PDB file of all heavy atoms in Angstrom:
ATOM      1  N   PHE A   1      91.645  91.029 110.538  1.00  0.00           N
ATOM      2  CA  PHE A   1      90.994  92.068 109.753  1.00  0.00           C
ATOM      3  C   PHE A   1      90.782  93.259 110.709  1.00  0.00           C
ATOM      4  O   PHE A   1      90.023  93.171 111.689  1.00  0.00           O
ATOM      5  CB  PHE A   1      89.652  91.575 109.201  1.00  0.00           C
ATOM      6  CG  PHE A   1      89.770  90.582 108.114  1.00  0.00           C
ATOM      7  CD1 PHE A   1      89.679  89.249 108.350  1.00  0.00           C
ATOM      8  CD2 PHE A   1      90.046  91.007 106.783  1.00  0.00           C
ATOM      9  CE1 PHE A   1      89.825  88.312 107.339  1.00  0.00           C
ATOM     10  CE2 PHE A   1      90.149  90.088 105.772  1.00  0.00           C
ATOM     11  CZ  PHE A   1      90.071  88.744 106.031  1.00  0.00           C
ATOM     12  N   LEU A   2      91.432  94.354 110.392  1.00  0.00           N
ATOM     13  CA  LEU A   2      91.354  95.507 111.278  1.00  0.00           C
ATOM     14  C   LEU A   2      90.156  96.378 110.949  1.00  0.00           C
ATOM     15  O   LEU A   2      89.846  96.674 109.767  1.00  0.00           O
ATOM     16  CB  LEU A   2      92.655  96.331 111.178  1.00  0.00           C
ATOM     17  CG  LEU A   2      93.940  95.511 111.511  1.00  0.00           C
ATOM     18  CD1 LEU A   2      95.085  96.477 111.717  1.00  0.00           C
ATOM     19  CD2 LEU A   2      93.748  94.636 112.733  1.00  0.00           C
ATOM     20  N   GLU A   3      89.527  96.864 112.006  1.00  0.00           N
ATOM     21  CA  GLU A   3      88.271  97.648 111.840  1.00  0.00           C
ATOM     22  C   GLU A   3      88.517  99.136 111.567  1.00  0.00           C
ATOM     23  O   GLU A   3      87.614  99.837 111.179  1.00  0.00           O
ATOM     24  CB  GLU A   3      87.410  97.482 113.102  1.00  0.00           C
ATOM     25  CG  GLU A   3      86.990  96.028 113.334  1.00  0.00           C
ATOM     26  CD  GLU A   3      86.225  95.849 114.615  1.00  0.00           C
ATOM     27  OE1 GLU A   3      86.136  96.835 115.390  1.00  0.00           O
ATOM     28  OE2 GLU A   3      85.756  94.722 114.900  1.00  0.00           O
ATOM     29  N   ASP A   4      89.779  99.561 111.748  1.00  0.00           N
ATOM     30  CA  ASP A   4      90.075 100.997 111.642  1.00  0.00           C
ATOM     31  C   ASP A   4      89.982 101.421 110.187  1.00  0.00           C
ATOM     32  O   ASP A   4      90.654 100.874 109.310  1.00  0.00           O
ATOM     33  CB  ASP A   4      91.486 101.254 112.124  1.00  0.00           C
ATOM     34  CG  ASP A   4      91.768 100.670 113.503  1.00  0.00           C
ATOM     35  OD1 ASP A   4      92.032  99.424 113.505  1.00  0.00           O
ATOM     36  OD2 ASP A   4      91.734 101.356 114.496  1.00  0.00           O
ATOM     37  N   TYR A   5      89.146 102.428 109.918  1.00  0.00           N
ATOM     38  CA  TYR A   5      89.042 103.025 108.590  1.00  0.00           C
ATOM     39  C   TYR A   5      88.745 102.019 107.525  1.00  0.00           C
ATOM     40  O   TYR A   5      89.228 102.070 106.388  1.00  0.00           O
ATOM     41  CB  TYR A   5      90.330 103.783 108.265  1.00  0.00           C
ATOM     42  CG  TYR A   5      90.831 104.648 109.340  1.00  0.00           C
ATOM     43  CD1 TYR A   5      92.033 104.372 110.040  1.00  0.00           C
ATOM     44  CD2 TYR A   5      90.138 105.798 109.786  1.00  0.00           C
ATOM     45  CE1 TYR A   5      92.505 105.140 111.063  1.00  0.00           C
ATOM     46  CE2 TYR A   5      90.562 106.566 110.842  1.00  0.00           C
ATOM     47  CZ  TYR A   5      91.777 106.231 111.477  1.00  0.00           C
ATOM     48  OH  TYR A   5      92.221 107.014 112.505  1.00  0.00           O
ATOM     49  N   THR A   6      87.852 101.059 107.853  1.00  0.00           N
ATOM     50  CA  THR A   6      87.474 100.058 106.859  1.00  0.00           C
ATOM     51  C   THR A   6      85.944 100.022 106.720  1.00  0.00           C
ATOM     52  O   THR A   6      85.225 100.551 107.534  1.00  0.00           O
ATOM     53  CB  THR A   6      87.965  98.675 107.260  1.00  0.00           C
ATOM     54  OG1 THR A   6      87.500  98.336 108.568  1.00  0.00           O
ATOM     55  CG2 THR A   6      89.453  98.594 107.253  1.00  0.00           C
ATOM     56  N   SER A   7      85.510  99.405 105.613  1.00  0.00           N
ATOM     57  CA  SER A   7      84.099  99.430 105.236  1.00  0.00           C
ATOM     58  C   SER A   7      83.383  98.136 105.656  1.00  0.00           C
ATOM     59  O   SER A   7      83.910  97.046 105.375  1.00  0.00           O
ATOM     60  CB  SER A   7      83.966  99.608 103.722  1.00  0.00           C
ATOM     61  OG  SER A   7      84.741 100.702 103.269  1.00  0.00           O
ATOM     62  N   PRO A   8      82.230  98.258 106.271  1.00  0.00           N
ATOM     63  CA  PRO A   8      81.555  97.020 106.794  1.00  0.00           C
ATOM     64  C   PRO A   8      81.239  96.018 105.674  1.00  0.00           C
ATOM     65  O   PRO A   8      81.385  94.828 105.883  1.00  0.00           O
ATOM     66  CB  PRO A   8      80.220  97.624 107.363  1.00  0.00           C
ATOM     67  CG  PRO A   8      80.578  99.009 107.742  1.00  0.00           C
ATOM     68  CD  PRO A   8      81.550  99.459 106.692  1.00  0.00           C
ATOM     69  N   ASP A   9      80.874  96.457 104.482  1.00  0.00           N
ATOM     70  CA  ASP A   9      80.563  95.551 103.382  1.00  0.00           C
ATOM     71  C   ASP A   9      81.784  94.740 102.970  1.00  0.00           C
ATOM     72  O   ASP A   9      81.725  93.516 102.817  1.00  0.00           O
ATOM     73  CB  ASP A   9      79.968  96.298 102.165  1.00  0.00           C
ATOM     74  CG  ASP A   9      78.556  96.746 102.424  1.00  0.00           C
ATOM     75  OD1 ASP A   9      77.930  96.284 103.420  1.00  0.00           O
ATOM     76  OD2 ASP A   9      78.032  97.590 101.651  1.00  0.00           O
ATOM     77  N   LEU A  10      82.922  95.421 102.744  1.00  0.00           N
ATOM     78  CA  LEU A  10      84.139  94.726 102.356  1.00  0.00           C
ATOM     79  C   LEU A  10      84.642  93.855 103.513  1.00  0.00           C
ATOM     80  O   LEU A  10      85.220  92.814 103.268  1.00  0.00           O
ATOM     81  CB  LEU A  10      85.243  95.715 101.963  1.00  0.00           C
ATOM     82  CG  LEU A  10      85.031  96.445 100.623  1.00  0.00           C
ATOM     83  CD1 LEU A  10      86.285  97.190 100.262  1.00  0.00           C
ATOM     84  CD2 LEU A  10      84.609  95.512  99.535  1.00  0.00           C
ATOM     85  N   PHE A  11      84.402  94.296 104.733  1.00  0.00           N
ATOM     86  CA  PHE A  11      84.791  93.519 105.876  1.00  0.00           C
ATOM     87  C   PHE A  11      84.058  92.121 105.873  1.00  0.00           C
ATOM     88  O   PHE A  11      84.712  91.080 105.968  1.00  0.00           O
ATOM     89  CB  PHE A  11      84.425  94.288 107.189  1.00  0.00           C
ATOM     90  CG  PHE A  11      85.253  93.958 108.368  1.00  0.00           C
ATOM     91  CD1 PHE A  11      86.297  94.798 108.739  1.00  0.00           C
ATOM     92  CD2 PHE A  11      85.040  92.842 109.124  1.00  0.00           C
ATOM     93  CE1 PHE A  11      87.071  94.514 109.850  1.00  0.00           C
ATOM     94  CE2 PHE A  11      85.791  92.540 110.233  1.00  0.00           C
ATOM     95  CZ  PHE A  11      86.839  93.386 110.609  1.00  0.00           C
ATOM     96  N   ARG A  12      82.775  92.201 105.692  1.00  0.00           N
ATOM     97  CA  ARG A  12      81.979  90.946 105.650  1.00  0.00           C
ATOM     98  C   ARG A  12      82.321  90.111 104.449  1.00  0.00           C
ATOM     99  O   ARG A  12      82.519  88.866 104.549  1.00  0.00           O
ATOM    100  CB  ARG A  12      80.481  91.286 105.608  1.00  0.00           C
ATOM    101  CG  ARG A  12      79.921  91.800 106.908  1.00  0.00           C
ATOM    102  CD  ARG A  12      78.412  91.855 106.879  1.00  0.00           C
ATOM    103  NE  ARG A  12      77.920  92.804 105.895  1.00  0.00           N
ATOM    104  CZ  ARG A  12      77.700  94.094 106.110  1.00  0.00           C
ATOM    105  NH1 ARG A  12      77.835  94.583 107.345  1.00  0.00           N
ATOM    106  NH2 ARG A  12      77.270  94.883 105.171  1.00  0.00           N
ATOM    107  N   ASN A  13      82.504  90.725 103.266  1.00  0.00           N
ATOM    108  CA  ASN A  13      82.806  89.996 102.103  1.00  0.00           C
ATOM    109  C   ASN A  13      84.151  89.268 102.180  1.00  0.00           C
ATOM    110  O   ASN A  13      84.318  88.172 101.755  1.00  0.00           O
ATOM    111  CB  ASN A  13      82.780  90.909 100.859  1.00  0.00           C
ATOM    112  CG  ASN A  13      81.382  91.344 100.488  1.00  0.00           C
ATOM    113  OD1 ASN A  13      80.386  90.799 100.987  1.00  0.00           O
ATOM    114  ND2 ASN A  13      81.304  92.365  99.661  1.00  0.00           N
ATOM    115  N   SER A  14      85.151  90.033 102.725  1.00  0.00           N
ATOM    116  CA  SER A  14      86.496  89.443 102.823  1.00  0.00           C
ATOM    117  C   SER A  14      86.553  88.255 103.789  1.00  0.00           C
ATOM    118  O   SER A  14      87.194  87.244 103.521  1.00  0.00           O
ATOM    119  CB  SER A  14      87.459  90.529 103.272  1.00  0.00           C
ATOM    120  OG  SER A  14      87.559  91.548 102.302  1.00  0.00           O
ATOM    121  N   ILE A  15      85.793  88.368 104.886  1.00  0.00           N
ATOM    122  CA  ILE A  15      85.712  87.232 105.830  1.00  0.00           C
ATOM    123  C   ILE A  15      85.020  86.028 105.180  1.00  0.00           C
ATOM    124  O   ILE A  15      85.423  84.896 105.355  1.00  0.00           O
ATOM    125  CB  ILE A  15      85.045  87.656 107.092  1.00  0.00           C
ATOM    126  CG1 ILE A  15      85.945  88.627 107.915  1.00  0.00           C
ATOM    127  CG2 ILE A  15      84.697  86.471 107.986  1.00  0.00           C
ATOM    128  CD1 ILE A  15      85.329  89.186 109.177  1.00  0.00           C
ATOM    129  N   THR A  16      83.956  86.337 104.408  1.00  0.00           N
ATOM    130  CA  THR A  16      83.257  85.256 103.728  1.00  0.00           C
ATOM    131  C   THR A  16      84.223  84.534 102.747  1.00  0.00           C
ATOM    132  O   THR A  16      84.208  83.305 102.673  1.00  0.00           O
ATOM    133  CB  THR A  16      82.074  85.778 102.971  1.00  0.00           C
ATOM    134  OG1 THR A  16      81.139  86.352 103.920  1.00  0.00           O
ATOM    135  CG2 THR A  16      81.348  84.699 102.157  1.00  0.00           C
ATOM    136  N   LEU A  17      84.997  85.327 101.968  1.00  0.00           N
ATOM    137  CA  LEU A  17      85.919  84.699 101.013  1.00  0.00           C
ATOM    138  C   LEU A  17      86.942  83.821 101.746  1.00  0.00           C
ATOM    139  O   LEU A  17      87.299  82.760 101.299  1.00  0.00           O
ATOM    140  CB  LEU A  17      86.603  85.784 100.220  1.00  0.00           C
ATOM    141  CG  LEU A  17      85.745  86.579  99.252  1.00  0.00           C
ATOM    142  CD1 LEU A  17      86.514  87.745  98.649  1.00  0.00           C
ATOM    143  CD2 LEU A  17      85.257  85.645  98.094  1.00  0.00           C
ATOM    144  N   LEU A  18      87.449  84.369 102.853  1.00  0.00           N
ATOM    145  CA  LEU A  18      88.473  83.633 103.622  1.00  0.00           C
ATOM    146  C   LEU A  18      87.905  82.328 104.133  1.00  0.00           C
ATOM    147  O   LEU A  18      88.514  81.284 104.057  1.00  0.00           O
ATOM    148  CB  LEU A  18      88.938  84.506 104.761  1.00  0.00           C
ATOM    149  CG  LEU A  18      90.144  83.978 105.541  1.00  0.00           C
ATOM    150  CD1 LEU A  18      91.421  84.298 104.781  1.00  0.00           C
ATOM    151  CD2 LEU A  18      90.255  84.646 106.930  1.00  0.00           C
ATOM    152  N   LYS A  19      86.714  82.346 104.716  1.00  0.00           N
ATOM    153  CA  LYS A  19      86.104  81.177 105.270  1.00  0.00           C
ATOM    154  C   LYS A  19      85.737  80.167 104.196  1.00  0.00           C
ATOM    155  O   LYS A  19      85.886  78.910 104.363  1.00  0.00           O
ATOM    156  CB  LYS A  19      84.883  81.547 106.087  1.00  0.00           C
ATOM    157  CG  LYS A  19      85.186  82.325 107.327  1.00  0.00           C
ATOM    158  CD  LYS A  19      83.945  82.953 107.938  1.00  0.00           C
ATOM    159  CE  LYS A  19      82.931  81.947 108.444  1.00  0.00           C
ATOM    160  NZ  LYS A  19      81.764  82.568 109.117  1.00  0.00           N
ATOM    161  N   ARG A  20      85.236  80.619 103.094  1.00  0.00           N
ATOM    162  CA  ARG A  20      84.721  79.707 102.048  1.00  0.00           C
ATOM    163  C   ARG A  20      85.820  79.054 101.270  1.00  0.00           C
ATOM    164  O   ARG A  20      85.737  77.862 100.948  1.00  0.00           O
ATOM    165  CB  ARG A  20      83.809  80.495 101.085  1.00  0.00           C
ATOM    166  CG  ARG A  20      83.181  79.686  99.941  1.00  0.00           C
ATOM    167  CD  ARG A  20      82.225  80.456  99.177  1.00  0.00           C
ATOM    168  NE  ARG A  20      81.070  80.873 100.002  1.00  0.00           N
ATOM    169  CZ  ARG A  20      80.180  81.759  99.573  1.00  0.00           C
ATOM    170  NH1 ARG A  20      80.262  82.300  98.366  1.00  0.00           N
ATOM    171  NH2 ARG A  20      79.196  82.103 100.382  1.00  0.00           N
ATOM    172  N   TYR A  21      86.873  79.798 100.927  1.00  0.00           N
ATOM    173  CA  TYR A  21      87.887  79.284  99.995  1.00  0.00           C
ATOM    174  C   TYR A  21      89.226  78.899 100.704  1.00  0.00           C
ATOM    175  O   TYR A  21      89.897  77.991 100.283  1.00  0.00           O
ATOM    176  CB  TYR A  21      88.146  80.240  98.886  1.00  0.00           C
ATOM    177  CG  TYR A  21      86.920  80.472  98.036  1.00  0.00           C
ATOM    178  CD1 TYR A  21      86.189  81.658  98.139  1.00  0.00           C
ATOM    179  CD2 TYR A  21      86.520  79.535  97.100  1.00  0.00           C
ATOM    180  CE1 TYR A  21      85.046  81.874  97.365  1.00  0.00           C
ATOM    181  CE2 TYR A  21      85.387  79.751  96.271  1.00  0.00           C
ATOM    182  CZ  TYR A  21      84.620  80.916  96.443  1.00  0.00           C
ATOM    183  OH  TYR A  21      83.557  81.096  95.652  1.00  0.00           O
ATOM    184  N   LEU A  22      89.611  79.676 101.697  1.00  0.00           N
ATOM    185  CA  LEU A  22      90.904  79.399 102.347  1.00  0.00           C
ATOM    186  C   LEU A  22      90.773  78.599 103.597  1.00  0.00           C
ATOM    187  O   LEU A  22      91.702  77.904 104.025  1.00  0.00           O
ATOM    188  CB  LEU A  22      91.642  80.732 102.666  1.00  0.00           C
ATOM    189  CG  LEU A  22      91.882  81.685 101.463  1.00  0.00           C
ATOM    190  CD1 LEU A  22      92.671  82.861 101.929  1.00  0.00           C
ATOM    191  CD2 LEU A  22      92.640  80.894 100.366  1.00  0.00           C
ATOM    192  N   LYS A  23      89.585  78.720 104.249  1.00  0.00           N
ATOM    193  CA  LYS A  23      89.322  77.955 105.464  1.00  0.00           C
ATOM    194  C   LYS A  23      90.463  78.158 106.497  1.00  0.00           C
ATOM    195  O   LYS A  23      90.845  77.230 107.174  1.00  0.00           O
ATOM    196  CB  LYS A  23      89.112  76.471 105.175  1.00  0.00           C
ATOM    197  CG  LYS A  23      87.865  76.189 104.294  1.00  0.00           C
ATOM    198  CD  LYS A  23      87.725  74.721 104.023  1.00  0.00           C
ATOM    199  CE  LYS A  23      86.380  74.445 103.286  1.00  0.00           C
ATOM    200  NZ  LYS A  23      86.264  75.203 102.025  1.00  0.00           N
ATOM    201  N   SER A  24      90.911  79.378 106.567  1.00  0.00           N
ATOM    202  CA  SER A  24      92.016  79.666 107.498  1.00  0.00           C
ATOM    203  C   SER A  24      91.491  80.463 108.662  1.00  0.00           C
ATOM    204  O   SER A  24      90.448  81.132 108.599  1.00  0.00           O
ATOM    205  CB  SER A  24      93.107  80.471 106.771  1.00  0.00           C
ATOM    206  OG  SER A  24      92.595  81.677 106.319  1.00  0.00           O
ATOM    207  N   PRO A  25      92.170  80.447 109.797  1.00  0.00           N
ATOM    208  CA  PRO A  25      91.747  81.193 110.995  1.00  0.00           C
ATOM    209  C   PRO A  25      91.848  82.705 110.779  1.00  0.00           C
ATOM    210  O   PRO A  25      92.738  83.161 110.049  1.00  0.00           O
ATOM    211  CB  PRO A  25      92.696  80.695 112.103  1.00  0.00           C
ATOM    212  CG  PRO A  25      93.892  80.227 111.394  1.00  0.00           C
ATOM    213  CD  PRO A  25      93.424  79.701 110.064  1.00  0.00           C
ATOM    214  N   TYR A  26      91.000  83.413 111.454  1.00  0.00           N
ATOM    215  CA  TYR A  26      91.046  84.885 111.353  1.00  0.00           C
ATOM    216  C   TYR A  26      90.509  85.466 112.671  1.00  0.00           C
ATOM    217  O   TYR A  26      89.846  84.733 113.436  1.00  0.00           O
ATOM    218  CB  TYR A  26      90.212  85.389 110.184  1.00  0.00           C
ATOM    219  CG  TYR A  26      88.727  85.292 110.413  1.00  0.00           C
ATOM    220  CD1 TYR A  26      88.028  86.318 110.982  1.00  0.00           C
ATOM    221  CD2 TYR A  26      88.067  84.114 110.083  1.00  0.00           C
ATOM    222  CE1 TYR A  26      86.631  86.216 111.171  1.00  0.00           C
ATOM    223  CE2 TYR A  26      86.703  83.967 110.294  1.00  0.00           C
ATOM    224  CZ  TYR A  26      86.005  85.034 110.847  1.00  0.00           C
ATOM    225  OH  TYR A  26      84.657  84.906 111.065  1.00  0.00           O
ATOM    226  N   GLU A  27      90.793  86.714 112.852  1.00  0.00           N
ATOM    227  CA  GLU A  27      90.234  87.471 113.979  1.00  0.00           C
ATOM    228  C   GLU A  27      90.016  88.890 113.540  1.00  0.00           C
ATOM    229  O   GLU A  27      90.590  89.375 112.566  1.00  0.00           O
ATOM    230  CB  GLU A  27      91.164  87.479 115.202  1.00  0.00           C
ATOM    231  CG  GLU A  27      91.176  86.167 115.968  1.00  0.00           C
ATOM    232  CD  GLU A  27      91.999  86.315 117.245  1.00  0.00           C
ATOM    233  OE1 GLU A  27      92.075  87.418 117.814  1.00  0.00           O
ATOM    234  OE2 GLU A  27      92.557  85.293 117.743  1.00  0.00           O
ATOM    235  N   ARG A  28      89.132  89.582 114.274  1.00  0.00           N
ATOM    236  CA  ARG A  28      88.932  91.009 114.124  1.00  0.00           C
ATOM    237  C   ARG A  28      89.980  91.711 115.032  1.00  0.00           C
ATOM    238  O   ARG A  28      90.426  91.119 116.023  1.00  0.00           O
ATOM    239  CB  ARG A  28      87.562  91.452 114.501  1.00  0.00           C
ATOM    240  CG  ARG A  28      86.429  90.884 113.585  1.00  0.00           C
ATOM    241  CD  ARG A  28      85.095  91.172 114.144  1.00  0.00           C
ATOM    242  NE  ARG A  28      84.027  90.729 113.298  1.00  0.00           N
ATOM    243  CZ  ARG A  28      83.368  91.524 112.455  1.00  0.00           C
ATOM    244  NH1 ARG A  28      83.643  92.833 112.431  1.00  0.00           N
ATOM    245  NH2 ARG A  28      82.405  91.059 111.719  1.00  0.00           N
ATOM    246  N   GLY A  29      90.342  92.911 114.731  1.00  0.00           N
ATOM    247  CA  GLY A  29      91.279  93.647 115.526  1.00  0.00           C
ATOM    248  C   GLY A  29      91.233  95.117 115.256  1.00  0.00           C
ATOM    249  O   GLY A  29      90.560  95.614 114.322  1.00  0.00           O
ATOM    250  N   VAL A  30      91.986  95.874 116.034  1.00  0.00           N
ATOM    251  CA  VAL A  30      92.105  97.313 115.853  1.00  0.00           C
ATOM    252  C   VAL A  30      93.542  97.729 116.067  1.00  0.00           C
ATOM    253  O   VAL A  30      94.325  97.050 116.748  1.00  0.00           O
ATOM    254  CB  VAL A  30      91.241  98.139 116.861  1.00  0.00           C
ATOM    255  CG1 VAL A  30      89.753  97.836 116.602  1.00  0.00           C
ATOM    256  CG2 VAL A  30      91.560  97.744 118.296  1.00  0.00           C
ATOM    257  N   LEU A  31      93.952  98.784 115.410  1.00  0.00           N
ATOM    258  CA  LEU A  31      95.283  99.302 115.555  1.00  0.00           C
ATOM    259  C   LEU A  31      95.418 100.137 116.819  1.00  0.00           C
ATOM    260  O   LEU A  31      94.413 100.627 117.337  1.00  0.00           O
ATOM    261  CB  LEU A  31      95.671 100.153 114.338  1.00  0.00           C
ATOM    262  CG  LEU A  31      96.071  99.491 113.067  1.00  0.00           C
ATOM    263  CD1 LEU A  31      96.100 100.479 111.904  1.00  0.00           C
ATOM    264  CD2 LEU A  31      97.399  98.780 113.197  1.00  0.00           C
ATOM    265  N   PRO A  32      96.630 100.274 117.327  1.00  0.00           N
ATOM    266  CA  PRO A  32      96.831 101.165 118.440  1.00  0.00           C
ATOM    267  C   PRO A  32      96.382 102.619 118.104  1.00  0.00           C
ATOM    268  O   PRO A  32      96.413 102.972 116.935  1.00  0.00           O
ATOM    269  CB  PRO A  32      98.333 101.123 118.703  1.00  0.00           C
ATOM    270  CG  PRO A  32      98.763  99.805 118.123  1.00  0.00           C
ATOM    271  CD  PRO A  32      97.899  99.601 116.939  1.00  0.00           C
ATOM    272  N   ARG A  33      95.916 103.358 119.092  1.00  0.00           N
ATOM    273  CA  ARG A  33      95.396 104.676 118.866  1.00  0.00           C
ATOM    274  C   ARG A  33      96.433 105.497 118.106  1.00  0.00           C
ATOM    275  O   ARG A  33      97.592 105.554 118.443  1.00  0.00           O
ATOM    276  CB  ARG A  33      95.054 105.333 120.172  1.00  0.00           C
ATOM    277  CG  ARG A  33      94.467 106.743 120.016  1.00  0.00           C
ATOM    278  CD  ARG A  33      94.133 107.351 121.379  1.00  0.00           C
ATOM    279  NE  ARG A  33      93.087 106.611 122.057  1.00  0.00           N
ATOM    280  CZ  ARG A  33      91.793 106.827 121.857  1.00  0.00           C
ATOM    281  NH1 ARG A  33      91.407 107.783 121.052  1.00  0.00           N
ATOM    282  NH2 ARG A  33      90.907 106.176 122.548  1.00  0.00           N
ATOM    283  N   GLY A  34      95.957 106.174 117.069  1.00  0.00           N
ATOM    284  CA  GLY A  34      96.820 107.047 116.314  1.00  0.00           C
ATOM    285  C   GLY A  34      97.530 106.424 115.138  1.00  0.00           C
ATOM    286  O   GLY A  34      98.092 107.099 114.291  1.00  0.00           O
ATOM    287  N   SER A  35      97.432 105.078 115.009  1.00  0.00           N
ATOM    288  CA  SER A  35      98.039 104.371 113.912  1.00  0.00           C
ATOM    289  C   SER A  35      97.116 104.314 112.729  1.00  0.00           C
ATOM    290  O   SER A  35      95.876 104.351 112.838  1.00  0.00           O
ATOM    291  CB  SER A  35      98.453 102.945 114.312  1.00  0.00           C
ATOM    292  OG  SER A  35      99.338 102.977 115.379  1.00  0.00           O
ATOM    293  N   ALA A  36      97.695 104.192 111.516  1.00  0.00           N
ATOM    294  CA  ALA A  36      96.922 104.046 110.314  1.00  0.00           C
ATOM    295  C   ALA A  36      97.826 103.552 109.213  1.00  0.00           C
ATOM    296  O   ALA A  36      99.085 103.537 109.333  1.00  0.00           O
ATOM    297  CB  ALA A  36      96.236 105.321 109.913  1.00  0.00           C
ATOM    298  N   SER A  37      97.232 103.122 108.097  1.00  0.00           N
ATOM    299  CA  SER A  37      98.012 102.763 106.943  1.00  0.00           C
ATOM    300  C   SER A  37      97.313 103.465 105.706  1.00  0.00           C
ATOM    301  O   SER A  37      96.325 104.160 105.873  1.00  0.00           O
ATOM    302  CB  SER A  37      98.139 101.252 106.745  1.00  0.00           C
ATOM    303  OG  SER A  37      99.098 100.956 105.731  1.00  0.00           O
ATOM    304  N   ASP A  38      97.805 103.179 104.513  1.00  0.00           N
ATOM    305  CA  ASP A  38      97.382 103.936 103.347  1.00  0.00           C
ATOM    306  C   ASP A  38      95.891 103.763 102.968  1.00  0.00           C
ATOM    307  O   ASP A  38      95.361 104.594 102.260  1.00  0.00           O
ATOM    308  CB  ASP A  38      98.213 103.521 102.170  1.00  0.00           C
ATOM    309  CG  ASP A  38      99.697 103.957 102.300  1.00  0.00           C
ATOM    310  OD1 ASP A  38      99.911 105.193 102.336  1.00  0.00           O
ATOM    311  OD2 ASP A  38     100.564 103.117 102.413  1.00  0.00           O
ATOM    312  N   HIS A  39      95.274 102.680 103.470  1.00  0.00           N
ATOM    313  CA  HIS A  39      93.831 102.544 103.195  1.00  0.00           C
ATOM    314  C   HIS A  39      93.033 103.708 103.781  1.00  0.00           C
ATOM    315  O   HIS A  39      91.961 104.084 103.225  1.00  0.00           O
ATOM    316  CB  HIS A  39      93.302 101.243 103.718  1.00  0.00           C
ATOM    317  CG  HIS A  39      93.345 101.136 105.244  1.00  0.00           C
ATOM    318  ND1 HIS A  39      94.514 101.078 105.967  1.00  0.00           N
ATOM    319  CD2 HIS A  39      92.320 101.164 106.149  1.00  0.00           C
ATOM    320  CE1 HIS A  39      94.238 101.015 107.249  1.00  0.00           C
ATOM    321  NE2 HIS A  39      92.947 101.036 107.414  1.00  0.00           N
ATOM    322  N   LYS A  40      93.557 104.336 104.825  1.00  0.00           N
ATOM    323  CA  LYS A  40      92.892 105.514 105.419  1.00  0.00           C
ATOM    324  C   LYS A  40      92.699 106.636 104.408  1.00  0.00           C
ATOM    325  O   LYS A  40      91.717 107.357 104.421  1.00  0.00           O
ATOM    326  CB  LYS A  40      93.643 106.005 106.642  1.00  0.00           C
ATOM    327  CG  LYS A  40      92.937 107.154 107.343  1.00  0.00           C
ATOM    328  CD  LYS A  40      93.764 107.679 108.496  1.00  0.00           C
ATOM    329  CE  LYS A  40      93.052 108.838 109.187  1.00  0.00           C
ATOM    330  NZ  LYS A  40      93.876 109.447 110.265  1.00  0.00           N
ATOM    331  N   SER A  41      93.691 106.767 103.489  1.00  0.00           N
ATOM    332  CA  SER A  41      93.611 107.809 102.507  1.00  0.00           C
ATOM    333  C   SER A  41      92.410 107.634 101.619  1.00  0.00           C
ATOM    334  O   SER A  41      91.736 108.620 101.219  1.00  0.00           O
ATOM    335  CB  SER A  41      94.908 107.843 101.643  1.00  0.00           C
ATOM    336  OG  SER A  41      96.027 108.032 102.446  1.00  0.00           O
ATOM    337  N   TYR A  42      92.097 106.398 101.242  1.00  0.00           N
ATOM    338  CA  TYR A  42      90.926 106.094 100.426  1.00  0.00           C
ATOM    339  C   TYR A  42      89.658 106.188 101.229  1.00  0.00           C
ATOM    340  O   TYR A  42      88.618 106.716 100.766  1.00  0.00           O
ATOM    341  CB  TYR A  42      91.058 104.718  99.809  1.00  0.00           C
ATOM    342  CG  TYR A  42      91.962 104.689  98.555  1.00  0.00           C
ATOM    343  CD1 TYR A  42      93.353 104.592  98.719  1.00  0.00           C
ATOM    344  CD2 TYR A  42      91.453 104.840  97.269  1.00  0.00           C
ATOM    345  CE1 TYR A  42      94.172 104.563  97.632  1.00  0.00           C
ATOM    346  CE2 TYR A  42      92.281 104.849  96.183  1.00  0.00           C
ATOM    347  CZ  TYR A  42      93.615 104.747  96.354  1.00  0.00           C
ATOM    348  OH  TYR A  42      94.464 104.749  95.252  1.00  0.00           O
ATOM    349  N   TRP A  43      89.682 105.763 102.466  1.00  0.00           N
ATOM    350  CA  TRP A  43      88.531 105.846 103.355  1.00  0.00           C
ATOM    351  C   TRP A  43      88.135 107.325 103.559  1.00  0.00           C
ATOM    352  O   TRP A  43      86.937 107.631 103.614  1.00  0.00           O
ATOM    353  CB  TRP A  43      88.884 105.186 104.696  1.00  0.00           C
ATOM    354  CG  TRP A  43      87.775 105.120 105.672  1.00  0.00           C
ATOM    355  CD1 TRP A  43      86.763 104.185 105.751  1.00  0.00           C
ATOM    356  CD2 TRP A  43      87.532 106.075 106.742  1.00  0.00           C
ATOM    357  NE1 TRP A  43      85.973 104.460 106.871  1.00  0.00           N
ATOM    358  CE2 TRP A  43      86.410 105.594 107.457  1.00  0.00           C
ATOM    359  CE3 TRP A  43      88.205 107.198 107.173  1.00  0.00           C
ATOM    360  CZ2 TRP A  43      85.911 106.278 108.554  1.00  0.00           C
ATOM    361  CZ3 TRP A  43      87.707 107.914 108.315  1.00  0.00           C
ATOM    362  CH2 TRP A  43      86.574 107.412 108.981  1.00  0.00           C
ATOM    363  N   GLU A  44      89.120 108.181 103.708  1.00  0.00           N
ATOM    364  CA  GLU A  44      88.831 109.621 103.863  1.00  0.00           C
ATOM    365  C   GLU A  44      88.089 110.189 102.651  1.00  0.00           C
ATOM    366  O   GLU A  44      87.342 111.179 102.815  1.00  0.00           O
ATOM    367  CB  GLU A  44      90.114 110.386 104.096  1.00  0.00           C
ATOM    368  CG  GLU A  44      90.792 110.155 105.448  1.00  0.00           C
ATOM    369  CD  GLU A  44      92.167 110.784 105.540  1.00  0.00           C
ATOM    370  OE1 GLU A  44      92.819 111.033 104.493  1.00  0.00           O
ATOM    371  OE2 GLU A  44      92.585 111.047 106.640  1.00  0.00           O
ATOM    372  N   GLN A  45      88.320 109.603 101.536  1.00  0.00           N
ATOM    373  CA  GLN A  45      87.640 110.092 100.297  1.00  0.00           C
ATOM    374  C   GLN A  45      86.317 109.417 100.016  1.00  0.00           C
ATOM    375  O   GLN A  45      85.693 109.631  98.992  1.00  0.00           O
ATOM    376  CB  GLN A  45      88.590 109.931  99.098  1.00  0.00           C
ATOM    377  CG  GLN A  45      89.879 110.646  99.173  1.00  0.00           C
ATOM    378  CD  GLN A  45      89.700 112.184  99.265  1.00  0.00           C
ATOM    379  OE1 GLN A  45      88.724 112.728  98.751  1.00  0.00           O
ATOM    380  NE2 GLN A  45      90.601 112.878  99.997  1.00  0.00           N
ATOM    381  N   GLY A  46      85.880 108.577 100.976  1.00  0.00           N
ATOM    382  CA  GLY A  46      84.578 107.922 100.859  1.00  0.00           C
ATOM    383  C   GLY A  46      84.628 106.627 100.019  1.00  0.00           C
ATOM    384  O   GLY A  46      83.576 106.070  99.655  1.00  0.00           O
TER     385      GLY A  46
END
């Protein structure tokens, strides 16, 4: 789960869903400087 241009509430909720139902491994991470994907477009709009 990448922290770049993401929302804390959805971050927590998504990790909770993963742990509760999928029970699969996960980690937090960040993209290399200057990188982004289309979620940034929505993040920019709040």
